[in-house]
Amino acid sequence: MIIPSIDISGGRAVQLVGGEKLALDAGDPVPILERFAVAGEVAVVDIDAARGDGSNERVIRDLCRRARVRVGGGIRDAATATRWLDAGAARVVLGTAATPSVLEHLPADRVIVALDTRDGRVVTHGWRRRSDATAIERVAALRHLVGGFLVTFVEREGRMAGSDLTQAAAIVAAAGEASVTIAGGVTTAEEIAYLDRIGADAQVGMALYTGRLPLAEAITAPLSSDRADGLWPTVIVDTAGIALGLAYSSAASVGASVEHRRGIYESRSRGVWEKGGTSGATQEIVAIDLDCDRDTLRFTVRQRGSGFCHLGTRTCWGDDDGLTGLARRLATIAATGGPRGSNTARLVADPDLLAAKLREEAVELGAAARPAEVVAEAADLLYFTLVKTAAAGVAIEEIERELNRRRRAVTRRAMEAKEDIG
């Protein structure tokens, strides 16, 4: 799989050759993250912190709230690593600080050890100091303490001359159950496909920035198809993971989807087509994932209009319900102010009444004891909560994203009751 990389210096996305020479200044990292995040997790490296020459913490904290980010650069102790995990980083990347005495204080599955190598030997201190250890020796020594390794072939970094696939295979073998990400020189879809086959991800920066490797090609590189037409079945889901329908994709349609961030597919009879092109029920692409067998795609989308199905329903199996269905109906009422006589519309128009009902239902849920009572009171409170979010223009997706960010935190606040102010 592809792990797009964003190196940040002075608050801007940059690309360096050999870790030193500035080759490209790509500007604001936010739009770059939004483009790269369709591929999944994105690596973000604080170049200034890594050099001991400042910090881009404020910028990177914002990126952690926008997408799944693995953060590296200047993380030299467990406290700093924990602070990034609490900020919502999916994982943290430690370099020379990755010693057993530090790693034992961190959740292993959230830690990646960065090993920079030149001609097979580990290099440190900004790639300037050569050690006696090899990458394979370091991987073997630490693989039981961490979830993964990031191995960068420094002599190939930023030069787009290809990666050392033989060395990569040896590192994967040494890593055992730990994951491996290879960086430095990865330039082609064929390299990404090979690394995926041997069990490694490819971290790519320069080739993506320059367009030498289109992002869509990088995403689909590991895919295969056993169909005569070569198409990939594509399951379309919304941001809650609810299946909307099934379509088919080709290299051309995925390329168009990634370029335009819209749901574009391959029809077996009509060729490339855009969902909602005539009906207005368009889709914004959030993420594209590959299944475990590498023969099926999953598109996560924000569905607009009436829904995915040509019959006008939300899904090809009819309209969905539950919390997401309720949230959408309430959002429509909040936006339109109707229908006439609607209690939801009245609550949206009367914030004081809504606040009073929220307090009332929270107290009743707190006092409920029997399962049936808990179900009824929880349903009441969830309804009023969703009315509140609809009135504020907040999508349930945003709440889920915040909960996911909090779940990734390592430090837990003390759970104490506040004084009764009601």
Protein backbone atom coordinates (compact mmCIF):
# COMPACT_ATOMS: atom_id res chain seq x y z
CA MET A 1 0.00 0.00 0.00
CA ILE A 2 0.99 3.60 -0.49
CA ILE A 3 1.78 5.89 2.47
CA PRO A 4 1.94 9.45 1.09
CA SER A 5 4.47 11.62 2.91
CA ILE A 6 4.42 15.29 3.86
CA ASP A 7 7.64 16.84 5.19
CA ILE A 8 7.08 20.16 6.93
CA SER A 9 9.57 22.97 7.49
CA GLY A 10 8.68 26.51 8.45
CA GLY A 11 5.00 25.57 8.34
CA ARG A 12 5.24 24.57 4.67
CA ALA A 13 5.31 21.26 2.85
CA VAL A 14 8.76 20.65 1.38
CA GLN A 15 10.76 17.94 -0.31
CA LEU A 16 14.48 17.50 0.29
CA VAL A 17 17.09 15.58 -1.67
CA GLY A 18 19.26 13.45 0.58
CA GLY A 19 17.61 15.03 3.59
CA GLU A 20 19.43 18.31 3.08
CA LYS A 21 18.97 20.12 -0.24
CA LEU A 22 15.59 21.82 -0.75
CA ALA A 23 14.16 20.54 -4.01
CA LEU A 24 10.53 21.60 -3.74
CA ASP A 25 8.38 23.98 -1.69
CA ALA A 26 4.76 22.84 -2.02
CA GLY A 27 3.28 25.47 0.30
CA ASP A 28 0.32 24.99 2.65
CA PRO A 29 0.24 21.33 3.81
CA VAL A 30 -3.55 21.28 4.42
CA PRO A 31 -4.69 20.92 0.78
CA ILE A 32 -1.90 18.39 0.22
CA LEU A 33 -3.14 16.34 3.18
CA GLU A 34 -6.70 16.49 1.91
CA ARG A 35 -5.54 15.18 -1.47
CA PHE A 36 -3.30 12.46 -0.05
CA ALA A 37 -5.74 11.27 2.65
CA VAL A 38 -7.93 9.57 0.06
CA ALA A 39 -5.22 6.86 0.04
CA GLY A 40 -5.48 6.30 3.80
CA GLU A 41 -2.89 7.06 6.48
CA VAL A 42 -0.47 9.89 5.71
CA ALA A 43 3.04 10.28 7.12
CA VAL A 44 3.84 13.78 8.40
CA VAL A 45 7.41 14.61 9.35
CA ASP A 46 8.47 17.71 11.30
CA ILE A 47 11.79 18.44 9.59
CA ASP A 48 12.60 21.38 11.86
CA ALA A 49 12.01 19.38 15.04
CA ALA A 50 14.08 16.51 13.65
CA ARG A 51 16.98 18.92 13.14
CA GLY A 52 16.49 20.54 16.53
CA ASP A 53 15.77 23.79 14.72
CA GLY A 54 12.22 24.73 15.75
CA SER A 55 8.85 23.03 15.66
CA ASN A 56 5.76 22.79 13.47
CA GLU A 57 3.57 21.44 16.26
CA ARG A 58 0.66 23.82 15.73
CA VAL A 59 0.43 22.96 12.04
CA ILE A 60 0.72 19.22 12.59
CA ARG A 61 -1.86 19.20 15.41
CA ASP A 62 -4.32 20.67 12.92
CA LEU A 63 -3.46 17.94 10.41
CA CYS A 64 -4.11 15.27 13.06
CA ARG A 65 -7.68 16.52 13.37
CA ARG A 66 -8.27 16.34 9.63
CA ALA A 67 -7.09 12.83 8.75
CA ARG A 68 -5.28 9.70 9.94
CA VAL A 69 -1.71 10.85 10.39
CA ARG A 70 1.45 9.14 11.57
CA VAL A 71 3.72 11.79 13.08
CA GLY A 72 7.50 11.77 13.12
CA GLY A 73 10.39 14.16 13.56
CA GLY A 74 11.92 15.27 16.83
CA ILE A 75 10.17 12.70 19.03
CA ARG A 76 12.94 11.89 21.47
CA ASP A 77 11.14 10.67 24.60
CA ALA A 78 8.01 8.89 25.74
CA ALA A 79 6.37 12.10 26.96
CA THR A 80 6.57 13.72 23.52
CA ALA A 81 5.31 10.56 21.84
CA THR A 82 2.38 10.38 24.26
CA ARG A 83 1.55 14.03 23.62
CA TRP A 84 1.23 13.31 19.90
CA LEU A 85 -0.92 10.24 20.51
CA ASP A 86 -3.16 12.34 22.76
CA ALA A 87 -3.38 14.91 19.95
CA GLY A 88 -4.90 12.27 17.70
CA ALA A 89 -1.92 10.89 15.80
CA ALA A 90 -2.71 7.41 14.52
CA ARG A 91 0.88 6.42 15.19
CA VAL A 92 4.16 8.02 16.18
CA VAL A 93 7.53 7.50 14.54
CA LEU A 94 10.63 7.43 16.74
CA GLY A 95 14.21 7.43 15.52
CA THR A 96 17.26 7.30 17.77
CA ALA A 97 15.00 7.57 20.83
CA ALA A 98 13.58 4.11 20.09
CA THR A 99 15.28 2.33 22.95
CA PRO A 100 13.66 -0.35 25.13
CA SER A 101 13.56 2.05 28.10
CA VAL A 102 11.44 4.50 26.07
CA LEU A 103 9.36 1.99 24.12
CA GLU A 104 8.16 0.16 27.23
CA HIS A 105 6.14 3.26 28.20
CA LEU A 106 4.26 3.40 24.89
CA PRO A 107 1.52 1.27 23.26
CA ALA A 108 3.51 -0.97 20.93
CA ASP A 109 0.89 -1.09 18.18
CA ARG A 110 0.98 2.71 17.89
CA VAL A 111 4.76 3.01 17.54
CA ILE A 112 6.90 2.88 14.41
CA VAL A 113 10.68 2.87 14.63
CA ALA A 114 12.42 4.89 11.92
CA LEU A 115 15.70 3.47 10.69
CA ASP A 116 17.63 5.59 8.22
CA THR A 117 20.24 3.60 6.33
CA ARG A 118 23.01 4.40 3.93
CA ASP A 119 24.49 1.42 2.08
CA GLY A 120 22.91 -0.93 4.59
CA ARG A 121 24.21 0.78 7.74
CA VAL A 122 22.06 2.81 10.11
CA VAL A 123 22.81 6.54 10.06
CA THR A 124 21.79 9.08 12.71
CA HIS A 125 22.03 12.79 13.58
CA GLY A 126 20.35 14.05 10.43
CA TRP A 127 21.87 11.26 8.34
CA ARG A 128 25.35 12.59 9.08
CA ARG A 129 26.67 9.96 11.52
CA ARG A 130 27.16 6.32 10.47
CA SER A 131 26.72 3.56 13.06
CA ASP A 132 28.07 0.03 13.09
CA ALA A 133 24.59 -1.53 13.19
CA THR A 134 22.69 -2.69 10.13
CA ALA A 135 19.00 -2.11 9.63
CA ILE A 136 18.33 -5.83 9.86
CA GLU A 137 20.12 -6.04 13.21
CA ARG A 138 18.11 -3.14 14.60
CA VAL A 139 14.83 -4.58 13.30
CA ALA A 140 15.56 -7.97 14.87
CA ALA A 141 16.40 -6.33 18.21
CA LEU A 142 13.25 -4.17 18.44
CA ARG A 143 10.54 -6.07 16.56
CA HIS A 144 8.94 -7.40 19.77
CA LEU A 145 8.56 -3.90 21.22
CA VAL A 146 6.89 -2.00 18.37
CA GLY A 147 4.16 -2.27 15.79
CA GLY A 148 6.25 -1.39 12.76
CA PHE A 149 9.37 -0.03 11.13
CA LEU A 150 10.00 2.76 8.66
CA VAL A 151 13.23 2.09 6.78
CA THR A 152 14.56 4.90 4.60
CA PHE A 153 17.31 4.28 2.07
CA VAL A 154 19.00 7.66 2.41
CA GLU A 155 21.18 7.32 -0.66
CA ARG A 156 17.99 7.04 -2.74
CA GLU A 157 15.82 9.58 -0.89
CA GLY A 158 14.33 12.27 -3.16
CA ARG A 159 16.23 11.09 -6.22
CA MET A 160 13.42 9.03 -7.81
CA ALA A 161 15.93 6.44 -8.98
CA GLY A 162 14.14 3.38 -7.62
CA SER A 163 14.29 1.64 -4.26
CA ASP A 164 16.44 -1.25 -3.01
CA LEU A 165 13.89 -4.04 -3.28
CA THR A 166 16.33 -6.79 -2.35
CA GLN A 167 17.20 -5.06 0.91
CA ALA A 168 13.50 -4.37 1.49
CA ALA A 169 12.67 -8.08 1.28
CA ALA A 170 15.40 -8.92 3.80
CA ILE A 171 14.05 -6.31 6.22
CA VAL A 172 10.49 -7.66 5.93
CA ALA A 173 11.77 -11.13 6.72
CA ALA A 174 13.62 -9.84 9.79
CA ALA A 175 10.59 -7.86 11.07
CA GLY A 176 8.43 -10.90 11.80
CA GLU A 177 4.91 -9.78 12.79
CA ALA A 178 5.84 -6.08 12.79
CA SER A 179 4.84 -4.04 9.75
CA VAL A 180 7.43 -2.52 7.43
CA THR A 181 7.27 0.70 5.44
CA ILE A 182 9.98 1.39 2.88
CA ALA A 183 10.98 4.92 1.89
CA GLY A 184 13.64 6.32 -0.37
CA GLY A 185 13.50 6.16 -4.13
CA VAL A 186 10.11 4.50 -4.60
CA THR A 187 8.92 5.89 -7.91
CA THR A 188 6.79 3.40 -9.82
CA ALA A 189 3.56 1.49 -9.37
CA GLU A 190 5.49 -1.70 -10.03
CA GLU A 191 7.68 -1.08 -6.97
CA ILE A 192 4.62 -0.46 -4.81
CA ALA A 193 3.01 -3.67 -6.10
CA TYR A 194 6.16 -5.66 -5.36
CA LEU A 195 6.51 -4.24 -1.86
CA ASP A 196 2.85 -5.02 -1.18
CA ARG A 197 3.34 -8.62 -2.30
CA ILE A 198 6.22 -9.13 0.13
CA GLY A 199 4.26 -7.48 2.96
CA ALA A 200 5.60 -3.91 2.98
CA ASP A 201 4.09 -0.47 2.45
CA ALA A 202 5.77 2.22 0.37
CA GLN A 203 6.20 5.75 1.73
CA VAL A 204 6.37 8.17 -1.17
CA GLY A 205 6.87 11.92 -1.33
CA MET A 206 8.80 13.37 -4.26
CA ALA A 207 7.31 11.12 -6.94
CA LEU A 208 3.79 12.15 -5.89
CA TYR A 209 4.56 15.86 -5.67
CA THR A 210 6.15 15.98 -9.10
CA GLY A 211 3.48 13.84 -10.76
CA ARG A 212 6.01 11.21 -11.73
CA LEU A 213 3.78 8.73 -9.88
CA PRO A 214 0.05 9.62 -10.05
CA LEU A 215 -1.69 9.04 -6.73
CA ALA A 216 -4.38 6.87 -8.33
CA GLU A 217 -1.74 4.56 -9.84
CA ALA A 218 -0.08 4.29 -6.44
CA ILE A 219 -3.38 3.35 -4.77
CA THR A 220 -4.35 0.71 -7.31
CA ALA A 221 -0.86 -0.72 -7.88
CA PRO A 222 -1.42 -3.88 -5.76
CA LEU A 223 -4.79 -4.68 -7.37
CA SER A 224 -5.51 -7.63 -9.62
CA SER A 225 -8.67 -8.86 -11.34
CA ASP A 226 -9.87 -12.29 -12.37
CA ARG A 227 -12.58 -10.80 -14.58
CA ALA A 228 -12.36 -11.01 -18.36
CA ASP A 229 -12.84 -7.24 -18.60
CA GLY A 230 -10.21 -6.53 -15.93
CA LEU A 231 -12.58 -4.39 -13.84
CA TRP A 232 -12.50 -4.23 -10.04
CA PRO A 233 -15.74 -4.66 -8.06
CA THR A 234 -16.22 -1.52 -5.97
CA VAL A 235 -18.28 -1.43 -2.79
CA ILE A 236 -19.54 2.11 -2.09
CA VAL A 237 -20.16 3.02 1.56
CA ASP A 238 -20.97 6.25 3.36
CA THR A 239 -18.83 7.71 6.15
CA ALA A 240 -20.67 5.55 8.69
CA GLY A 241 -19.63 2.43 6.76
CA ILE A 242 -23.17 1.69 5.51
CA ALA A 243 -23.14 0.07 2.08
CA LEU A 244 -24.86 2.19 -0.56
CA GLY A 245 -24.32 -0.09 -3.54
CA LEU A 246 -21.94 -1.88 -5.87
CA ALA A 247 -20.20 -0.57 -8.96
CA TYR A 248 -17.10 -1.38 -11.00
CA SER A 249 -13.85 0.52 -11.42
CA SER A 250 -10.99 0.68 -13.87
CA ALA A 251 -7.64 2.42 -13.79
CA ALA A 252 -9.19 5.25 -15.77
CA SER A 253 -12.21 5.67 -13.50
CA VAL A 254 -10.13 5.56 -10.30
CA GLY A 255 -7.80 8.13 -11.82
CA ALA A 256 -10.74 10.42 -12.52
CA SER A 257 -12.17 9.84 -9.03
CA VAL A 258 -8.90 10.77 -7.34
CA GLU A 259 -8.34 13.80 -9.58
CA HIS A 260 -11.81 15.24 -9.13
CA ARG A 261 -12.64 13.74 -5.68
CA ARG A 262 -15.99 12.57 -7.02
CA GLY A 263 -17.59 9.16 -7.38
CA ILE A 264 -16.63 8.07 -10.90
CA TYR A 265 -16.93 4.46 -12.01
CA GLU A 266 -16.66 2.18 -15.05
CA SER A 267 -19.86 0.88 -16.59
CA ARG A 268 -19.63 -2.42 -18.41
CA SER A 269 -21.81 -0.91 -21.15
CA ARG A 270 -21.26 2.88 -21.00
CA GLY A 271 -17.62 3.23 -20.05
CA VAL A 272 -16.49 5.82 -17.47
CA TRP A 273 -19.41 7.59 -15.80
CA GLU A 274 -19.90 9.97 -12.89
CA LYS A 275 -22.46 9.17 -10.22
CA GLY A 276 -25.06 11.93 -10.12
CA GLY A 277 -23.89 13.53 -13.33
CA THR A 278 -27.50 13.87 -14.48
CA SER A 279 -29.51 13.36 -11.27
CA GLY A 280 -27.45 15.63 -9.03
CA ALA A 281 -26.92 12.81 -6.49
CA THR A 282 -23.15 13.25 -6.62
CA GLN A 283 -20.54 11.79 -4.32
CA GLU A 284 -17.49 13.32 -2.65
CA ILE A 285 -14.71 10.76 -2.31
CA VAL A 286 -13.38 10.49 1.25
CA ALA A 287 -11.21 7.37 1.01
CA ILE A 288 -10.32 4.52 -1.32
CA ASP A 289 -9.34 1.20 0.27
CA LEU A 290 -8.25 -2.19 -1.05
CA ASP A 291 -9.56 -5.42 0.41
CA CYS A 292 -7.31 -8.12 1.85
CA ASP A 293 -7.23 -10.12 -1.40
CA ARG A 294 -6.35 -7.04 -3.47
CA ASP A 295 -9.15 -7.63 -5.96
CA THR A 296 -11.91 -5.36 -4.64
CA LEU A 297 -12.13 -1.64 -3.88
CA ARG A 298 -14.11 0.20 -1.23
CA PHE A 299 -15.03 3.82 -1.89
CA THR A 300 -16.04 5.81 1.20
CA VAL A 301 -18.13 8.76 0.04
CA ARG A 302 -20.26 11.64 1.19
CA GLN A 303 -23.46 11.01 -0.73
CA ARG A 304 -25.38 14.05 -1.94
CA GLY A 305 -28.96 14.31 -3.15
CA SER A 306 -31.59 11.59 -2.86
CA GLY A 307 -29.13 8.73 -2.54
CA PHE A 308 -27.07 6.20 -4.47
CA CYS A 309 -29.82 4.08 -6.01
CA HIS A 310 -31.38 4.99 -9.38
CA LEU A 311 -34.76 4.38 -7.70
CA GLY A 312 -34.17 7.43 -5.51
CA THR A 313 -33.42 5.62 -2.25
CA ARG A 314 -30.37 6.11 -0.07
CA THR A 315 -29.00 2.62 -0.81
CA CYS A 316 -29.66 -0.08 -3.42
CA TRP A 317 -31.42 -1.98 -0.61
CA GLY A 318 -33.79 0.89 0.24
CA ASP A 319 -33.54 3.77 2.68
CA ASP A 320 -31.42 3.15 5.75
CA ASP A 321 -32.53 4.04 9.25
CA GLY A 322 -30.90 4.13 12.68
CA LEU A 323 -28.95 7.10 13.98
CA THR A 324 -27.49 8.15 10.64
CA GLY A 325 -30.88 8.06 8.95
CA LEU A 326 -32.43 10.06 11.80
CA ALA A 327 -29.58 12.57 11.72
CA ARG A 328 -30.13 13.22 7.99
CA ARG A 329 -33.89 13.68 8.44
CA LEU A 330 -33.35 16.13 11.30
CA ALA A 331 -30.75 18.04 9.27
CA THR A 332 -33.30 18.44 6.47
CA ILE A 333 -35.89 19.79 8.90
CA ALA A 334 -33.36 22.18 10.43
CA ALA A 335 -32.41 23.47 6.99
CA THR A 336 -35.96 23.88 5.67
CA GLY A 337 -37.83 24.85 8.85
CA GLY A 338 -40.61 22.35 8.16
CA PRO A 339 -42.90 20.57 7.98
CA ARG A 340 -45.64 22.64 9.59
CA GLY A 341 -46.34 21.59 13.17
CA SER A 342 -43.08 19.65 13.48
CA ASN A 343 -41.77 19.37 17.04
CA THR A 344 -38.25 19.18 15.63
CA ALA A 345 -38.73 22.46 13.78
CA ARG A 346 -40.05 24.03 16.99
CA LEU A 347 -37.00 22.83 18.94
CA VAL A 348 -34.63 24.20 16.31
CA ALA A 349 -36.38 27.55 16.44
CA ASP A 350 -36.40 27.66 20.28
CA PRO A 351 -32.87 27.02 21.66
CA ASP A 352 -34.02 27.55 25.25
CA LEU A 353 -36.67 24.84 24.94
CA LEU A 354 -34.15 22.49 23.35
CA ALA A 355 -31.64 23.12 26.16
CA ALA A 356 -34.30 22.43 28.77
CA LYS A 357 -35.27 19.15 27.10
CA LEU A 358 -31.63 18.06 26.91
CA ARG A 359 -31.19 18.65 30.65
CA GLU A 360 -34.46 16.92 31.44
CA GLU A 361 -33.69 13.81 29.38
CA ALA A 362 -30.12 13.57 30.68
CA VAL A 363 -31.42 13.48 34.26
CA GLU A 364 -34.04 10.86 33.37
CA LEU A 365 -31.48 8.65 31.65
CA GLY A 366 -29.17 8.96 34.65
CA ALA A 367 -31.97 7.77 36.93
CA ALA A 368 -33.16 4.92 34.68
CA ALA A 369 -32.47 1.42 36.01
CA ARG A 370 -34.45 -1.23 34.15
CA PRO A 371 -33.19 -2.07 30.61
CA ALA A 372 -36.46 -0.95 29.00
CA GLU A 373 -36.25 2.38 30.81
CA VAL A 374 -32.64 2.87 29.73
CA VAL A 375 -33.57 2.15 26.11
CA ALA A 376 -36.45 4.64 26.16
CA GLU A 377 -34.57 7.42 27.93
CA ALA A 378 -31.44 6.92 25.83
CA ALA A 379 -33.57 7.17 22.68
CA ASP A 380 -35.08 10.43 23.96
CA LEU A 381 -31.68 11.92 24.78
CA LEU A 382 -30.16 10.85 21.46
CA TYR A 383 -33.05 12.43 19.59
CA PHE A 384 -32.65 15.77 21.34
CA THR A 385 -28.85 15.56 20.94
CA LEU A 386 -29.21 15.07 17.20
CA VAL A 387 -31.65 17.97 17.01
CA LYS A 388 -29.00 20.11 18.72
CA THR A 389 -26.32 19.05 16.26
CA ALA A 390 -28.66 19.58 13.29
CA ALA A 391 -29.53 23.07 14.51
CA ALA A 392 -25.82 23.87 14.75
CA GLY A 393 -25.10 22.46 11.29
CA VAL A 394 -22.90 19.71 12.74
CA ALA A 395 -22.84 16.39 10.89
CA ILE A 396 -22.77 13.13 12.82
CA GLU A 397 -19.58 12.34 10.89
CA GLU A 398 -17.82 15.19 12.70
CA ILE A 399 -18.82 13.78 16.08
CA GLU A 400 -17.60 10.33 15.08
CA ARG A 401 -14.29 11.81 13.96
CA GLU A 402 -13.85 13.56 17.30
CA LEU A 403 -14.68 10.37 19.20
CA ASN A 404 -12.13 8.47 17.10
CA ARG A 405 -9.52 11.12 17.88
CA ARG A 406 -10.24 10.81 21.61
CA ARG A 407 -10.09 7.02 21.41
CA ARG A 408 -6.54 7.29 20.08
CA ALA A 409 -5.45 9.32 23.12
CA VAL A 410 -3.20 7.55 25.61
CA THR A 411 -3.63 9.86 28.60
CA ARG A 412 -7.00 9.66 30.35
CA ARG A 413 -8.52 12.47 32.36
CA ALA A 414 -9.80 11.73 35.84
CA MET A 415 -13.52 11.03 35.72
CA GLU A 416 -15.15 13.20 38.37
CA ALA A 417 -18.62 14.69 38.66
CA LYS A 418 -18.89 18.43 38.26
CA GLU A 419 -20.83 20.49 40.73
CA ASP A 420 -24.57 20.58 40.08
CA ILE A 421 -25.16 23.88 38.35
CA GLY A 422 -28.73 23.13 37.26
